[in-house]
C-alpha atoms as a PDB file:
ATOM      1  CA  MET A   1      -7.116 -16.830   0.707  1.00  0.00           C
ATOM      2  CA  SER A   2      -7.059 -14.683   3.688  1.00  0.00           C
ATOM      3  CA  VAL A   3      -7.987 -11.020   3.772  1.00  0.00           C
ATOM      4  CA  GLY A   4      -4.427 -10.349   5.191  1.00  0.00           C
ATOM      5  CA  THR A   5      -3.079 -12.000   2.193  1.00  0.00           C
ATOM      6  CA  ILE A   6      -4.834  -9.905  -0.004  1.00  0.00           C
ATOM      7  CA  LEU A   7      -4.144  -6.847   1.360  1.00  0.00           C
ATOM      8  CA  LEU A   8      -0.238  -7.606   1.225  1.00  0.00           C
ATOM      9  CA  LEU A   9      -0.784  -8.224  -2.466  1.00  0.00           C
ATOM     10  CA  LEU A  10      -2.688  -4.929  -2.665  1.00  0.00           C
ATOM     11  CA  LEU A  11       0.159  -3.168  -1.027  1.00  0.00           C
ATOM     12  CA  ALA A  12       2.820  -4.605  -3.154  1.00  0.00           C
ATOM     13  CA  VAL A  13       0.725  -3.466  -6.386  1.00  0.00           C
ATOM     14  CA  LEU A  14       0.745  -0.045  -4.930  1.00  0.00           C
ATOM     15  CA  LEU A  15       4.344  -0.042  -4.186  1.00  0.00           C
ATOM     16  CA  VAL A  16       4.983  -0.992  -7.904  1.00  0.00           C
ATOM     17  CA  GLY A  17       2.481   1.425  -9.260  1.00  0.00           C
ATOM     18  CA  ALA A  18       3.713   4.325  -6.942  1.00  0.00           C
ATOM     19  CA  LEU A  19       7.385   4.266  -8.738  1.00  0.00           C
ATOM     20  CA  PRO A  20       7.766   7.551 -10.631  1.00  0.00           C
ATOM     21  CA  THR A  21       9.572   5.659 -13.574  1.00  0.00           C
ATOM     22  CA  TRP A  22       7.201   6.379 -16.427  1.00  0.00           C
ATOM     23  CA  SER A  23       6.864   9.862 -17.692  1.00  0.00           C
ATOM     24  CA  HIS A  24       3.524  10.510 -16.870  1.00  0.00           C
ATOM     25  CA  SER A  25       3.413   9.575 -13.383  1.00  0.00           C
ATOM     26  CA  ALA A  26       6.751  11.911 -12.949  1.00  0.00           C
ATOM     27  CA  GLY A  27       4.775  15.122 -11.828  1.00  0.00           C
ATOM     28  CA  TRP A  28       2.656  13.107  -9.245  1.00  0.00           C
ATOM     29  CA  GLY A  29       5.020  14.062  -6.588  1.00  0.00           C
ATOM     30  CA  TYR A  30       4.522  12.592  -3.181  1.00  0.00           C
ATOM     31  CA  LEU A  31       0.831  11.584  -3.462  1.00  0.00           C
ATOM     32  CA  PRO A  32       1.424   8.003  -4.576  1.00  0.00           C
ATOM     33  CA  SER A  33       3.965   7.253  -1.659  1.00  0.00           C
ATOM     34  CA  GLY A  34       2.140   9.034   0.903  1.00  0.00           C
ATOM     35  CA  GLY A  35      -1.378   7.164   0.049  1.00  0.00           C
ATOM     36  CA  ILE A  36       0.771   3.952   0.354  1.00  0.00           C
ATOM     37  CA  ALA A  37       1.754   5.111   3.752  1.00  0.00           C
ATOM     38  CA  VAL A  38      -1.483   5.953   4.728  1.00  0.00           C
ATOM     39  CA  VAL A  39      -2.582   2.180   3.550  1.00  0.00           C
ATOM     40  CA  ALA A  40       0.304   0.624   4.914  1.00  0.00           C
ATOM     41  CA  ALA A  41      -0.263   2.133   8.473  1.00  0.00           C
ATOM     42  CA  ILE A  42      -4.067   1.388   8.552  1.00  0.00           C
ATOM     43  CA  ILE A  43      -2.954  -2.455   7.526  1.00  0.00           C
ATOM     44  CA  VAL A  44      -0.150  -2.408  10.545  1.00  0.00           C
ATOM     45  CA  ALA A  45      -2.598  -0.997  12.776  1.00  0.00           C
ATOM     46  CA  LEU A  46      -5.353  -3.854  11.887  1.00  0.00           C
ATOM     47  CA  VAL A  47      -2.765  -6.719  12.231  1.00  0.00           C
ATOM     48  CA  MET A  48      -1.447  -5.312  15.510  1.00  0.00           C
ATOM     49  CA  THR A  49      -5.262  -4.889  17.052  1.00  0.00           C
ATOM     50  CA  GLY A  50      -6.166  -8.362  15.881  1.00  0.00           C
ATOM     51  CA  GLN A  51      -8.562  -7.453  13.406  1.00  0.00           C
ATOM     52  CA  ILE A  52      -7.137  -9.178  10.551  1.00  0.00           C
ATOM     53  CA  THR A  53      -4.438 -11.960  10.563  1.00  0.00           C
ATOM     54  CA  ILE A  54      -1.646 -12.425   8.384  1.00  0.00           C
END
């Protein structure tokens, strides 16, 4: 399994985990989705510079 595939799977799991559908995560605000946006931006930057391949 390549690094790109692992990163895509990690991003998918984070996206599901950031959904505020459970009562314990309703008060978290923008923190989970903001963190995922940062991770996604880093992954896109690494793919565009050729550091990782998907």
